[in-house]
Protein backbone atom coordinates (compact mmCIF):
# COMPACT_ATOMS: atom_id res chain seq x y z
CA MET A 1 56.63 15.73 26.35
CA THR A 2 53.98 16.20 29.01
CA ARG A 3 50.77 14.25 29.11
CA ASN A 4 47.57 13.75 31.04
CA ARG A 5 48.53 10.63 32.93
CA ASP A 6 45.15 9.67 34.41
CA PHE A 7 44.24 6.65 32.32
CA THR A 8 47.73 5.44 31.51
CA ASP A 9 48.54 5.62 35.24
CA ARG A 10 45.59 3.28 35.77
CA LEU A 11 46.94 0.97 33.08
CA TRP A 12 50.41 0.85 34.62
CA GLN A 13 49.03 0.23 38.11
CA SER A 14 47.10 -2.73 36.71
CA ILE A 15 50.36 -4.51 35.80
CA THR A 16 52.53 -3.69 38.82
CA GLU A 17 53.10 -7.34 39.71
CA ILE A 18 53.55 -8.36 36.08
CA TYR A 19 56.20 -5.70 35.54
CA GLN A 20 58.08 -6.63 38.71
CA SER A 21 58.00 -10.25 37.58
CA THR A 22 59.38 -9.12 34.23
CA LEU A 23 62.34 -7.39 35.87
CA ALA A 24 63.01 -10.59 37.82
CA GLN A 25 63.04 -12.72 34.66
CA PRO A 26 66.18 -14.88 34.25
CA PHE A 27 66.30 -13.73 30.62
CA ILE A 28 66.29 -10.05 31.61
CA ASN A 29 68.81 -10.50 34.43
CA GLY A 30 71.00 -12.58 32.15
CA LEU A 31 71.30 -9.67 29.75
CA THR A 32 72.89 -7.40 32.35
CA SER A 33 75.01 -10.08 33.98
CA GLY A 34 76.14 -11.33 30.58
CA ASP A 35 75.29 -14.88 31.69
CA LEU A 36 72.33 -15.38 29.37
CA ASP A 37 72.96 -18.37 27.12
CA ARG A 38 73.73 -17.05 23.63
CA LYS A 39 71.45 -19.75 22.19
CA SER A 40 68.52 -18.36 24.19
CA PHE A 41 69.23 -14.85 22.96
CA ILE A 42 69.39 -16.00 19.35
CA PHE A 43 66.17 -17.99 19.78
CA TYR A 44 64.49 -14.88 21.21
CA LEU A 45 65.70 -12.74 18.30
CA LEU A 46 64.41 -15.23 15.74
CA GLN A 47 61.02 -15.29 17.43
CA ASP A 48 61.02 -11.51 17.67
CA THR A 49 61.64 -11.30 13.94
CA LEU A 50 58.51 -13.39 13.37
CA TYR A 51 56.57 -11.40 15.96
CA ILE A 52 57.44 -8.05 14.41
CA ARG A 53 55.82 -8.97 11.11
CA ASP A 54 52.44 -9.52 12.76
CA TYR A 55 52.90 -6.58 15.13
CA ALA A 56 53.43 -4.37 12.07
CA ARG A 57 50.24 -5.78 10.56
CA THR A 58 48.43 -4.98 13.81
CA LEU A 59 49.68 -1.39 13.75
CA ALA A 60 48.57 -1.07 10.11
CA MET A 61 45.09 -2.23 11.14
CA LEU A 62 45.16 0.33 13.94
CA ALA A 63 45.94 3.02 11.37
CA VAL A 64 42.88 1.94 9.38
CA LYS A 65 40.66 2.38 12.44
CA ALA A 66 42.28 5.61 13.65
CA PRO A 67 39.81 8.50 14.07
CA ASN A 68 41.98 11.32 12.70
CA GLU A 69 44.70 12.02 10.17
CA GLU A 70 47.43 12.45 12.78
CA SER A 71 46.85 8.97 14.22
CA ILE A 72 46.52 7.43 10.77
CA MET A 73 49.93 8.82 9.84
CA LEU A 74 51.49 7.90 13.19
CA PHE A 75 50.49 4.24 13.17
CA SER A 76 51.18 3.86 9.47
CA GLU A 77 54.68 5.19 10.10
CA HIS A 78 55.13 2.98 13.17
CA SER A 79 54.07 -0.06 11.16
CA ARG A 80 56.72 0.67 8.56
CA ALA A 81 59.37 1.72 11.06
CA CYS A 82 59.00 -1.29 13.32
CA ILE A 83 59.90 -3.58 10.42
CA GLU A 84 62.66 -1.34 9.10
CA ILE A 85 64.29 -0.49 12.41
CA GLU A 86 63.84 -3.88 14.06
CA ARG A 87 65.09 -5.65 10.94
CA GLY A 88 68.17 -3.45 10.99
CA LEU A 89 68.79 -4.23 14.65
CA HIS A 90 68.17 -7.94 14.21
CA ASP A 91 70.31 -8.21 11.09
CA SER A 92 73.19 -6.50 12.87
CA LEU A 93 72.90 -8.76 15.91
CA PHE A 94 72.45 -11.86 13.76
CA ALA A 95 75.59 -11.06 11.81
CA ASP A 96 77.67 -10.78 14.96
CA ALA A 97 76.08 -13.90 16.47
CA GLY A 98 76.75 -16.03 13.40
CA VAL A 99 73.08 -16.45 12.45
CA THR A 100 72.64 -17.11 8.73
CA HIS A 101 69.84 -15.97 6.42
CA GLU A 102 68.85 -19.62 6.09
CA MET A 103 68.36 -19.89 9.85
CA VAL A 104 66.16 -16.78 9.83
CA ALA A 105 64.14 -17.97 6.85
CA SER A 106 63.49 -21.41 8.34
CA ALA A 107 62.45 -20.17 11.81
CA GLN A 108 58.93 -21.11 12.89
CA MET A 109 56.79 -19.51 15.57
CA ALA A 110 56.96 -21.02 19.03
CA PRO A 111 53.61 -21.53 20.83
CA THR A 112 53.83 -18.32 22.87
CA CYS A 113 54.79 -16.20 19.88
CA GLN A 114 51.91 -17.56 17.83
CA ALA A 115 49.44 -17.11 20.68
CA TYR A 116 50.54 -13.52 21.31
CA THR A 117 50.42 -12.42 17.68
CA SER A 118 47.09 -14.17 17.14
CA TYR A 119 45.65 -12.27 20.08
CA LEU A 120 46.91 -8.92 18.80
CA LEU A 121 45.54 -9.51 15.30
CA ALA A 122 42.19 -10.70 16.63
CA VAL A 123 41.76 -7.62 18.83
CA ALA A 124 42.84 -5.27 16.04
CA HIS A 125 40.44 -6.91 13.60
CA GLY A 126 37.41 -7.56 15.77
CA ARG A 127 37.41 -4.98 18.56
CA THR A 128 37.28 -1.21 18.79
CA TYR A 129 40.12 1.17 18.01
CA ALA A 130 40.45 1.98 21.73
CA GLU A 131 40.77 -1.69 22.68
CA ALA A 132 43.29 -2.38 19.91
CA LEU A 133 45.29 0.63 21.07
CA ALA A 134 45.46 -0.75 24.61
CA ALA A 135 46.48 -4.18 23.32
CA VAL A 136 49.50 -2.90 21.37
CA LEU A 137 50.66 -0.53 24.12
CA PRO A 138 52.66 -2.98 26.32
CA CYS A 139 55.04 -3.78 23.47
CA TYR A 140 55.90 -0.10 23.32
CA TRP A 141 55.81 0.78 26.98
CA ILE A 142 57.25 -2.25 28.77
CA TYR A 143 60.22 -2.44 26.39
CA TRP A 144 60.98 1.21 27.04
CA GLU A 145 60.74 0.83 30.82
CA VAL A 146 62.83 -2.34 30.80
CA GLY A 147 65.36 -0.71 28.49
CA LYS A 148 65.81 2.21 30.87
CA VAL A 149 66.32 -0.09 33.87
CA LEU A 150 68.82 -2.27 32.03
CA ALA A 151 70.70 0.74 30.68
CA GLN A 152 71.49 1.79 34.26
CA LYS A 153 73.21 -1.55 34.79
CA GLY A 154 74.72 -2.18 31.37
CA SER A 155 76.06 -5.51 30.17
CA PRO A 156 79.59 -6.91 29.85
CA GLU A 157 78.42 -8.72 26.71
CA PRO A 158 78.60 -6.29 23.73
CA LEU A 159 75.80 -8.09 21.88
CA TYR A 160 73.43 -7.68 24.80
CA GLN A 161 74.55 -4.10 25.43
CA ARG A 162 73.56 -3.10 21.90
CA TRP A 163 70.12 -4.60 22.40
CA ILE A 164 69.72 -2.71 25.67
CA GLU A 165 70.78 0.59 24.14
CA ALA A 166 68.24 0.26 21.33
CA TYR A 167 65.30 0.23 23.74
CA ALA A 168 66.70 2.81 26.16
CA ASP A 169 67.25 5.27 23.32
CA GLU A 170 65.63 8.68 23.74
CA SER A 171 64.03 8.56 20.29
CA PHE A 172 62.25 5.34 21.22
CA GLY A 173 61.05 7.06 24.39
CA ASP A 174 59.56 9.88 22.29
CA THR A 175 57.69 7.28 20.23
CA VAL A 176 56.27 5.68 23.36
CA GLN A 177 55.24 9.04 24.82
CA ALA A 178 53.30 9.85 21.64
CA VAL A 179 51.30 6.62 21.92
CA LEU A 180 50.66 7.24 25.62
CA GLU A 181 49.26 10.68 24.77
CA ILE A 182 46.93 9.16 22.19
CA THR A 183 45.81 6.49 24.64
CA ASN A 184 44.86 9.08 27.25
CA GLU A 185 43.01 11.20 24.69
CA ILE A 186 41.03 8.25 23.36
CA ALA A 187 40.24 6.82 26.80
CA ALA A 188 38.84 10.19 27.97
CA LYS A 189 36.16 9.97 25.26
CA GLU A 190 35.17 6.35 25.91
CA THR A 191 32.63 4.77 28.22
CA ASP A 192 33.52 3.03 31.46
CA ILE A 193 32.79 -0.30 29.78
CA THR A 194 35.29 0.39 27.00
CA ARG A 195 37.91 1.66 29.44
CA ASP A 196 37.51 -1.54 31.47
CA ALA A 197 37.99 -3.55 28.26
CA MET A 198 41.11 -1.52 27.48
CA VAL A 199 42.56 -2.40 30.88
CA ALA A 200 41.78 -6.09 30.33
CA HIS A 201 43.57 -6.12 26.95
CA PHE A 202 46.52 -4.21 28.38
CA VAL A 203 46.90 -6.73 31.21
CA THR A 204 46.64 -9.68 28.82
CA THR A 205 49.31 -8.46 26.42
CA SER A 206 51.54 -7.45 29.34
CA ARG A 207 51.34 -11.07 30.45
CA TYR A 208 52.28 -12.11 26.93
CA GLU A 209 55.32 -9.85 27.14
CA TRP A 210 56.47 -11.73 30.26
CA MET A 211 55.76 -15.02 28.53
CA PHE A 212 57.74 -13.97 25.46
CA TRP A 213 60.95 -13.49 27.44
CA ASP A 214 60.29 -16.69 29.35
CA MET A 215 59.79 -18.44 26.01
CA GLY A 216 63.17 -17.16 24.85
CA TYR A 217 64.94 -18.24 28.01
CA ARG A 218 63.51 -21.78 27.76
CA ARG A 219 63.83 -21.90 23.96
CA GLU A 220 60.24 -23.05 23.90
CA SER A 221 59.16 -25.69 21.40
CA TRP A 222 55.90 -27.39 20.52
CA PRO A 223 55.35 -30.35 22.87
CA VAL A 224 54.01 -32.63 20.11
């Protein structure tokens, strides 16, 4: 799929350092080396399960604000699919990692997970469609870019390799490309003020993406 890259190029350039820091994350490098502590990976997956529920809610709110039928259908479908597909991936990984349904049901959000999802929901509820679109984009785009990089290296740990393959998959790339197209189309119709706000939200949630993997690596808990 081809796309007008003008605005999304600007978005990506705004997070160059954040993305490079993401690739240098101990969590990310531990996936390809196979040295990542299994407990950290399980902690991350449990938090991601909690995150996905609110991310799906955010996408549903985006569908409500969408300006045309195509975008309404796309984000409605993505809201459903992110729960269905991610739940399938998580359940499969949990089963092989020995994680029980009770462990999943009793998991509580870590500080970073709660902060990130709260930010997404607040932007989707209280800001414009364009701003909400920019806020959800890093979860699509950064995962795809990271997945492609990790797929070139692979992992000696089968559990981690399956996770890598899920985000490097071509079908996921098509999904990301569709959202990038929409972002460029919407940004072209907005004012400079709104485009600046879109960049600010994109940078903030890209930082949260870095923090999410760092949270998993440290198995973050509430300090009090």
